[in-house]
Amino acid sequence: MAKFYIESGDIKIITESKTPFGACLKVIKIISAQFGNDSINKSVNLSDTFMVTETGFPSERRPYSVHSGEHIFKTETVLGRGSA
């Protein structure tokens, strides 16, 4: 499994997965589990996209940059509301 850096809105998580898209799905499960049964008073802000890289968080690069081979998924696709 590869190590992926996933970033979207408030989310910045490093996780392992077989695929970049699988890493996004894993992050959704991680965030959901953190909310547990007390999700009424908790929220997380997502951007329009999920950035998935194997070389660190793009927002921490100076200057900000996205390299070839990195993945960008629409949030609506990750949440199951759109097509890839």
PDB file of N, CA and C in Angstrom:
ATOM      1  N   MET A   1       0.830  -1.187   0.000  1.00  0.00           N
ATOM      2  CA  MET A   1       0.000   0.000   0.000  1.00  0.00           C
ATOM      3  C   MET A   1       0.874   1.249   0.000  1.00  0.00           C
ATOM      4  N   ALA A   2       0.368   2.247  -0.689  1.00  0.00           N
ATOM      5  CA  ALA A   2       1.086   3.521  -0.777  1.00  0.00           C
ATOM      6  C   ALA A   2       0.617   4.481   0.310  1.00  0.00           C
ATOM      7  N   LYS A   3       1.475   5.415   0.661  1.00  0.00           N
ATOM      8  CA  LYS A   3       1.145   6.453   1.637  1.00  0.00           C
ATOM      9  C   LYS A   3       0.678   7.682   0.864  1.00  0.00           C
ATOM     10  N   PHE A   4      -0.512   8.182   1.232  1.00  0.00           N
ATOM     11  CA  PHE A   4      -1.094   9.334   0.550  1.00  0.00           C
ATOM     12  C   PHE A   4      -1.351  10.474   1.525  1.00  0.00           C
ATOM     13  N   TYR A   5      -1.151  11.690   1.032  1.00  0.00           N
ATOM     14  CA  TYR A   5      -1.475  12.911   1.754  1.00  0.00           C
ATOM     15  C   TYR A   5      -2.769  13.434   1.143  1.00  0.00           C
ATOM     16  N   ILE A   6      -3.831  13.532   1.949  1.00  0.00           N
ATOM     17  CA  ILE A   6      -5.139  13.949   1.454  1.00  0.00           C
ATOM     18  C   ILE A   6      -5.497  15.284   2.083  1.00  0.00           C
ATOM     19  N   GLU A   7      -5.945  16.193   1.227  1.00  0.00           N
ATOM     20  CA  GLU A   7      -6.265  17.541   1.693  1.00  0.00           C
ATOM     21  C   GLU A   7      -7.556  18.013   1.038  1.00  0.00           C
ATOM     22  N   SER A   8      -8.484  18.512   1.863  1.00  0.00           N
ATOM     23  CA  SER A   8      -9.726  19.094   1.372  1.00  0.00           C
ATOM     24  C   SER A   8     -10.315  19.962   2.482  1.00  0.00           C
ATOM     25  N   GLY A   9     -10.380  21.248   2.279  1.00  0.00           N
ATOM     26  CA  GLY A   9     -10.931  22.134   3.304  1.00  0.00           C
ATOM     27  C   GLY A   9     -10.174  22.010   4.623  1.00  0.00           C
ATOM     28  N   ASP A  10     -10.904  21.652   5.696  1.00  0.00           N
ATOM     29  CA  ASP A  10     -10.305  21.484   7.031  1.00  0.00           C
ATOM     30  C   ASP A  10      -9.490  20.200   7.166  1.00  0.00           C
ATOM     31  N   ILE A  11      -9.621  19.304   6.209  1.00  0.00           N
ATOM     32  CA  ILE A  11      -9.005  17.978   6.324  1.00  0.00           C
ATOM     33  C   ILE A  11      -7.573  17.991   5.799  1.00  0.00           C
ATOM     34  N   LYS A  12      -6.683  17.441   6.591  1.00  0.00           N
ATOM     35  CA  LYS A  12      -5.298  17.182   6.197  1.00  0.00           C
ATOM     36  C   LYS A  12      -4.914  15.889   6.901  1.00  0.00           C
ATOM     37  N   ILE A  13      -4.939  14.789   6.160  1.00  0.00           N
ATOM     38  CA  ILE A  13      -4.696  13.473   6.758  1.00  0.00           C
ATOM     39  C   ILE A  13      -3.727  12.685   5.888  1.00  0.00           C
ATOM     40  N   ILE A  14      -2.845  11.954   6.532  1.00  0.00           N
ATOM     41  CA  ILE A  14      -1.947  11.021   5.848  1.00  0.00           C
ATOM     42  C   ILE A  14      -2.480   9.624   6.127  1.00  0.00           C
ATOM     43  N   THR A  15      -2.662   8.835   5.073  1.00  0.00           N
ATOM     44  CA  THR A  15      -3.160   7.472   5.250  1.00  0.00           C
ATOM     45  C   THR A  15      -2.564   6.562   4.178  1.00  0.00           C
ATOM     46  N   GLU A  16      -2.758   5.284   4.354  1.00  0.00           N
ATOM     47  CA  GLU A  16      -2.290   4.311   3.366  1.00  0.00           C
ATOM     48  C   GLU A  16      -3.487   3.701   2.649  1.00  0.00           C
ATOM     49  N   SER A  17      -3.301   3.419   1.374  1.00  0.00           N
ATOM     50  CA  SER A  17      -4.355   2.815   0.569  1.00  0.00           C
ATOM     51  C   SER A  17      -3.731   2.231  -0.694  1.00  0.00           C
ATOM     52  N   LYS A  18      -4.489   1.390  -1.360  1.00  0.00           N
ATOM     53  CA  LYS A  18      -4.018   0.823  -2.629  1.00  0.00           C
ATOM     54  C   LYS A  18      -4.128   1.830  -3.772  1.00  0.00           C
ATOM     55  N   THR A  19      -5.123   2.723  -3.673  1.00  0.00           N
ATOM     56  CA  THR A  19      -5.354   3.687  -4.744  1.00  0.00           C
ATOM     57  C   THR A  19      -5.580   5.085  -4.168  1.00  0.00           C
ATOM     58  N   PRO A  20      -5.358   6.118  -4.961  1.00  0.00           N
ATOM     59  CA  PRO A  20      -5.631   7.479  -4.495  1.00  0.00           C
ATOM     60  C   PRO A  20      -7.105   7.695  -4.133  1.00  0.00           C
ATOM     61  N   PHE A  21      -8.018   7.169  -4.951  1.00  0.00           N
ATOM     62  CA  PHE A  21      -9.438   7.339  -4.653  1.00  0.00           C
ATOM     63  C   PHE A  21      -9.813   6.570  -3.385  1.00  0.00           C
ATOM     64  N   GLY A  22      -9.238   5.392  -3.210  1.00  0.00           N
ATOM     65  CA  GLY A  22      -9.472   4.617  -1.991  1.00  0.00           C
ATOM     66  C   GLY A  22      -9.005   5.374  -0.755  1.00  0.00           C
ATOM     67  N   ALA A  23      -7.940   6.157  -0.897  1.00  0.00           N
ATOM     68  CA  ALA A  23      -7.453   6.974   0.219  1.00  0.00           C
ATOM     69  C   ALA A  23      -8.494   8.037   0.591  1.00  0.00           C
ATOM     70  N   CYS A  24      -9.149   8.619  -0.395  1.00  0.00           N
ATOM     71  CA  CYS A  24     -10.209   9.604  -0.119  1.00  0.00           C
ATOM     72  C   CYS A  24     -11.357   8.961   0.652  1.00  0.00           C
ATOM     73  N   LEU A  25     -11.764   7.781   0.219  1.00  0.00           N
ATOM     74  CA  LEU A  25     -12.848   7.083   0.899  1.00  0.00           C
ATOM     75  C   LEU A  25     -12.463   6.732   2.330  1.00  0.00           C
ATOM     76  N   LYS A  26     -11.210   6.351   2.524  1.00  0.00           N
ATOM     77  CA  LYS A  26     -10.726   6.024   3.862  1.00  0.00           C
ATOM     78  C   LYS A  26     -10.764   7.257   4.768  1.00  0.00           C
ATOM     79  N   VAL A  27     -10.426   8.410   4.226  1.00  0.00           N
ATOM     80  CA  VAL A  27     -10.464   9.647   5.002  1.00  0.00           C
ATOM     81  C   VAL A  27     -11.896   9.966   5.448  1.00  0.00           C
ATOM     82  N   ILE A  28     -12.857   9.769   4.561  1.00  0.00           N
ATOM     83  CA  ILE A  28     -14.259   9.996   4.928  1.00  0.00           C
ATOM     84  C   ILE A  28     -14.645   9.086   6.093  1.00  0.00           C
ATOM     85  N   LYS A  29     -14.224   7.835   6.056  1.00  0.00           N
ATOM     86  CA  LYS A  29     -14.504   6.904   7.164  1.00  0.00           C
ATOM     87  C   LYS A  29     -13.822   7.349   8.456  1.00  0.00           C
ATOM     88  N   ILE A  30     -12.589   7.822   8.351  1.00  0.00           N
ATOM     89  CA  ILE A  30     -11.853   8.292   9.532  1.00  0.00           C
ATOM     90  C   ILE A  30     -12.572   9.477  10.171  1.00  0.00           C
ATOM     91  N   ILE A  31     -12.960  10.443   9.353  1.00  0.00           N
ATOM     92  CA  ILE A  31     -13.649  11.631   9.869  1.00  0.00           C
ATOM     93  C   ILE A  31     -14.997  11.247  10.474  1.00  0.00           C
ATOM     94  N   SER A  32     -15.721  10.374   9.815  1.00  0.00           N
ATOM     95  CA  SER A  32     -17.021   9.920  10.331  1.00  0.00           C
ATOM     96  C   SER A  32     -16.870   9.229  11.678  1.00  0.00           C
ATOM     97  N   ALA A  33     -15.844   8.404  11.803  1.00  0.00           N
ATOM     98  CA  ALA A  33     -15.602   7.698  13.067  1.00  0.00           C
ATOM     99  C   ALA A  33     -15.243   8.671  14.186  1.00  0.00           C
ATOM    100  N   GLN A  34     -14.527   9.737  13.860  1.00  0.00           N
ATOM    101  CA  GLN A  34     -14.172  10.738  14.870  1.00  0.00           C
ATOM    102  C   GLN A  34     -15.410  11.441  15.399  1.00  0.00           C
ATOM    103  N   PHE A  35     -16.424  11.598  14.566  1.00  0.00           N
ATOM    104  CA  PHE A  35     -17.654  12.245  15.006  1.00  0.00           C
ATOM    105  C   PHE A  35     -18.450  11.333  15.932  1.00  0.00           C
ATOM    106  N   GLY A  36     -18.436  10.029  15.642  1.00  0.00           N
ATOM    107  CA  GLY A  36     -19.162   9.073  16.472  1.00  0.00           C
ATOM    108  C   GLY A  36     -20.631   9.418  16.583  1.00  0.00           C
ATOM    109  N   ASN A  37     -21.189   9.198  17.748  1.00  0.00           N
ATOM    110  CA  ASN A  37     -22.613   9.451  17.985  1.00  0.00           C
ATOM    111  C   ASN A  37     -22.905  10.914  18.273  1.00  0.00           C
ATOM    112  N   ASP A  38     -21.884  11.727  18.454  1.00  0.00           N
ATOM    113  CA  ASP A  38     -22.071  13.136  18.796  1.00  0.00           C
ATOM    114  C   ASP A  38     -21.895  14.029  17.573  1.00  0.00           C
ATOM    115  N   SER A  39     -22.388  13.589  16.431  1.00  0.00           N
ATOM    116  CA  SER A  39     -22.171  14.339  15.193  1.00  0.00           C
ATOM    117  C   SER A  39     -23.062  15.570  15.075  1.00  0.00           C
ATOM    118  N   ILE A  40     -24.046  15.723  15.948  1.00  0.00           N
ATOM    119  CA  ILE A  40     -24.965  16.857  15.857  1.00  0.00           C
ATOM    120  C   ILE A  40     -24.218  18.180  16.041  1.00  0.00           C
ATOM    121  N   ASN A  41     -23.269  18.208  16.959  1.00  0.00           N
ATOM    122  CA  ASN A  41     -22.572  19.452  17.264  1.00  0.00           C
ATOM    123  C   ASN A  41     -21.207  19.562  16.586  1.00  0.00           C
ATOM    124  N   LYS A  42     -20.933  18.732  15.608  1.00  0.00           N
ATOM    125  CA  LYS A  42     -19.639  18.753  14.941  1.00  0.00           C
ATOM    126  C   LYS A  42     -19.832  18.935  13.443  1.00  0.00           C
ATOM    127  N   SER A  43     -18.853  19.576  12.820  1.00  0.00           N
ATOM    128  CA  SER A  43     -18.894  19.734  11.367  1.00  0.00           C
ATOM    129  C   SER A  43     -17.467  19.807  10.844  1.00  0.00           C
ATOM    130  N   VAL A  44     -17.345  19.574   9.570  1.00  0.00           N
ATOM    131  CA  VAL A  44     -16.056  19.697   8.894  1.00  0.00           C
ATOM    132  C   VAL A  44     -16.317  20.397   7.563  1.00  0.00           C
ATOM    133  N   ASN A  45     -15.456  21.309   7.222  1.00  0.00           N
ATOM    134  CA  ASN A  45     -15.578  22.019   5.948  1.00  0.00           C
ATOM    135  C   ASN A  45     -14.716  21.327   4.904  1.00  0.00           C
ATOM    136  N   LEU A  46     -15.325  21.026   3.778  1.00  0.00           N
ATOM    137  CA  LEU A  46     -14.615  20.429   2.650  1.00  0.00           C
ATOM    138  C   LEU A  46     -14.521  21.453   1.531  1.00  0.00           C
ATOM    139  N   SER A  47     -13.449  21.388   0.763  1.00  0.00           N
ATOM    140  CA  SER A  47     -13.377  22.230  -0.429  1.00  0.00           C
ATOM    141  C   SER A  47     -14.099  21.508  -1.566  1.00  0.00           C
ATOM    142  N   ASP A  48     -14.078  22.071  -2.736  1.00  0.00           N
ATOM    143  CA  ASP A  48     -14.738  21.456  -3.891  1.00  0.00           C
ATOM    144  C   ASP A  48     -14.002  20.221  -4.385  1.00  0.00           C
ATOM    145  N   THR A  49     -12.734  20.080  -3.947  1.00  0.00           N
ATOM    146  CA  THR A  49     -11.916  18.963  -4.415  1.00  0.00           C
ATOM    147  C   THR A  49     -11.153  18.307  -3.274  1.00  0.00           C
ATOM    148  N   PHE A  50     -10.736  17.079  -3.512  1.00  0.00           N
ATOM    149  CA  PHE A  50      -9.802  16.357  -2.662  1.00  0.00           C
ATOM    150  C   PHE A  50      -8.483  16.291  -3.422  1.00  0.00           C
ATOM    151  N   MET A  51      -7.430  16.807  -2.822  1.00  0.00           N
ATOM    152  CA  MET A  51      -6.082  16.722  -3.392  1.00  0.00           C
ATOM    153  C   MET A  51      -5.405  15.507  -2.786  1.00  0.00           C
ATOM    154  N   VAL A  52      -4.873  14.631  -3.630  1.00  0.00           N
ATOM    155  CA  VAL A  52      -4.222  13.408  -3.147  1.00  0.00           C
ATOM    156  C   VAL A  52      -2.822  13.336  -3.751  1.00  0.00           C
ATOM    157  N   THR A  53      -1.820  13.304  -2.878  1.00  0.00           N
ATOM    158  CA  THR A  53      -0.439  13.251  -3.345  1.00  0.00           C
ATOM    159  C   THR A  53       0.342  12.206  -2.552  1.00  0.00           C
ATOM    160  N   GLU A  54       1.497  11.880  -3.046  1.00  0.00           N
ATOM    161  CA  GLU A  54       2.407  10.987  -2.318  1.00  0.00           C
ATOM    162  C   GLU A  54       3.650  11.743  -1.846  1.00  0.00           C
ATOM    163  N   THR A  55       3.643  13.066  -2.026  1.00  0.00           N
ATOM    164  CA  THR A  55       4.854  13.843  -1.731  1.00  0.00           C
ATOM    165  C   THR A  55       4.614  14.983  -0.751  1.00  0.00           C
ATOM    166  N   GLY A  56       3.566  14.943   0.022  1.00  0.00           N
ATOM    167  CA  GLY A  56       3.288  15.995   0.989  1.00  0.00           C
ATOM    168  C   GLY A  56       2.062  16.809   0.615  1.00  0.00           C
ATOM    169  N   PHE A  57       1.651  17.652   1.547  1.00  0.00           N
ATOM    170  CA  PHE A  57       0.467  18.482   1.329  1.00  0.00           C
ATOM    171  C   PHE A  57       0.810  19.660   0.410  1.00  0.00           C
ATOM    172  N   PRO A  58       0.065  19.828  -0.692  1.00  0.00           N
ATOM    173  CA  PRO A  58       0.346  20.932  -1.610  1.00  0.00           C
ATOM    174  C   PRO A  58       0.287  22.304  -0.940  1.00  0.00           C
ATOM    175  N   SER A  59      -0.596  22.492   0.020  1.00  0.00           N
ATOM    176  CA  SER A  59      -0.736  23.798   0.663  1.00  0.00           C
ATOM    177  C   SER A  59       0.490  24.176   1.489  1.00  0.00           C
ATOM    178  N   GLU A  60       1.336  23.210   1.792  1.00  0.00           N
ATOM    179  CA  GLU A  60       2.549  23.493   2.559  1.00  0.00           C
ATOM    180  C   GLU A  60       3.761  23.741   1.666  1.00  0.00           C
ATOM    181  N   ARG A  61       3.564  23.658   0.363  1.00  0.00           N
ATOM    182  CA  ARG A  61       4.655  23.923  -0.575  1.00  0.00           C
ATOM    183  C   ARG A  61       4.776  25.420  -0.814  1.00  0.00           C
ATOM    184  N   ARG A  62       5.999  25.880  -0.885  1.00  0.00           N
ATOM    185  CA  ARG A  62       6.251  27.285  -1.167  1.00  0.00           C
ATOM    186  C   ARG A  62       7.094  27.385  -2.416  1.00  0.00           C
ATOM    187  N   PRO A  63       6.605  27.907  -3.510  1.00  0.00           N
ATOM    188  CA  PRO A  63       5.238  28.351  -3.703  1.00  0.00           C
ATOM    189  C   PRO A  63       4.291  27.152  -3.850  1.00  0.00           C
ATOM    190  N   TYR A  64       2.990  27.414  -3.623  1.00  0.00           N
ATOM    191  CA  TYR A  64       1.977  26.365  -3.773  1.00  0.00           C
ATOM    192  C   TYR A  64       2.076  25.791  -5.174  1.00  0.00           C
ATOM    193  N   SER A  65       2.080  24.465  -5.273  1.00  0.00           N
ATOM    194  CA  SER A  65       2.160  23.845  -6.595  1.00  0.00           C
ATOM    195  C   SER A  65       1.546  22.451  -6.564  1.00  0.00           C
ATOM    196  N   VAL A  66       1.083  22.030  -7.718  1.00  0.00           N
ATOM    197  CA  VAL A  66       0.583  20.675  -7.914  1.00  0.00           C
ATOM    198  C   VAL A  66       1.459  20.045  -8.981  1.00  0.00           C
ATOM    199  N   HIS A  67       1.961  18.875  -8.698  1.00  0.00           N
ATOM    200  CA  HIS A  67       2.872  18.201  -9.624  1.00  0.00           C
ATOM    201  C   HIS A  67       2.123  17.195 -10.495  1.00  0.00           C
ATOM    202  N   SER A  68       2.702  16.872 -11.636  1.00  0.00           N
ATOM    203  CA  SER A  68       2.093  15.849 -12.480  1.00  0.00           C
ATOM    204  C   SER A  68       2.079  14.526 -11.721  1.00  0.00           C
ATOM    205  N   GLY A  69       1.076  13.737 -11.956  1.00  0.00           N
ATOM    206  CA  GLY A  69       0.951  12.460 -11.270  1.00  0.00           C
ATOM    207  C   GLY A  69       0.190  12.549  -9.960  1.00  0.00           C
ATOM    208  N   GLU A  70      -0.149  13.776  -9.540  1.00  0.00           N
ATOM    209  CA  GLU A  70      -0.969  13.935  -8.339  1.00  0.00           C
ATOM    210  C   GLU A  70      -2.432  13.928  -8.753  1.00  0.00           C
ATOM    211  N   HIS A  71      -3.295  13.643  -7.810  1.00  0.00           N
ATOM    212  CA  HIS A  71      -4.697  13.404  -8.149  1.00  0.00           C
ATOM    213  C   HIS A  71      -5.604  14.449  -7.525  1.00  0.00           C
ATOM    214  N   ILE A  72      -6.598  14.861  -8.300  1.00  0.00           N
ATOM    215  CA  ILE A  72      -7.625  15.785  -7.827  1.00  0.00           C
ATOM    216  C   ILE A  72      -8.976  15.132  -8.117  1.00  0.00           C
ATOM    217  N   PHE A  73      -9.765  14.955  -7.054  1.00  0.00           N
ATOM    218  CA  PHE A  73     -11.097  14.374  -7.193  1.00  0.00           C
ATOM    219  C   PHE A  73     -12.129  15.389  -6.734  1.00  0.00           C
ATOM    220  N   LYS A  74     -13.240  15.479  -7.457  1.00  0.00           N
ATOM    221  CA  LYS A  74     -14.343  16.337  -7.028  1.00  0.00           C
ATOM    222  C   LYS A  74     -14.912  15.774  -5.729  1.00  0.00           C
ATOM    223  N   THR A  75     -15.213  16.655  -4.793  1.00  0.00           N
ATOM    224  CA  THR A  75     -15.767  16.220  -3.513  1.00  0.00           C
ATOM    225  C   THR A  75     -17.091  15.488  -3.725  1.00  0.00           C
ATOM    226  N   GLU A  76     -17.911  15.952  -4.644  1.00  0.00           N
ATOM    227  CA  GLU A  76     -19.191  15.292  -4.888  1.00  0.00           C
ATOM    228  C   GLU A  76     -18.997  13.858  -5.376  1.00  0.00           C
ATOM    229  N   THR A  77     -17.916  13.604  -6.086  1.00  0.00           N
ATOM    230  CA  THR A  77     -17.618  12.237  -6.531  1.00  0.00           C
ATOM    231  C   THR A  77     -17.186  11.370  -5.345  1.00  0.00           C
ATOM    232  N   VAL A  78     -16.319  11.921  -4.488  1.00  0.00           N
ATOM    233  CA  VAL A  78     -15.855  11.171  -3.321  1.00  0.00           C
ATOM    234  C   VAL A  78     -17.033  10.832  -2.397  1.00  0.00           C
ATOM    235  N   LEU A  79     -17.966  11.764  -2.270  1.00  0.00           N
ATOM    236  CA  LEU A  79     -19.115  11.535  -1.392  1.00  0.00           C
ATOM    237  C   LEU A  79     -20.209  10.708  -2.066  1.00  0.00           C
ATOM    238  N   GLY A  80     -19.982  10.321  -3.323  1.00  0.00           N
ATOM    239  CA  GLY A  80     -20.931   9.453  -4.010  1.00  0.00           C
ATOM    240  C   GLY A  80     -22.079  10.170  -4.667  1.00  0.00           C
ATOM    241  N   ARG A  81     -21.919  11.459  -4.929  1.00  0.00           N
ATOM    242  CA  ARG A  81     -22.996  12.233  -5.536  1.00  0.00           C
ATOM    243  C   ARG A  81     -22.703  12.627  -6.967  1.00  0.00           C
ATOM    244  N   GLY A  82     -21.636  12.121  -7.527  1.00  0.00           N
ATOM    245  CA  GLY A  82     -21.275  12.504  -8.896  1.00  0.00           C
ATOM    246  C   GLY A  82     -20.507  11.386  -9.568  1.00  0.00           C
ATOM    247  N   SER A  83     -20.144  11.621 -10.799  1.00  0.00           N
ATOM    248  CA  SER A  83     -19.353  10.629 -11.516  1.00  0.00           C
ATOM    249  C   SER A  83     -17.898  11.079 -11.552  1.00  0.00           C
ATOM    250  N   ALA A  84     -16.990  10.106 -11.683  1.00  0.00           N
ATOM    251  CA  ALA A  84     -15.550  10.410 -11.649  1.00  0.00           C
ATOM    252  C   ALA A  84     -15.107  11.243 -12.819  1.00  0.00           C
TER     253      ALA A  84
END
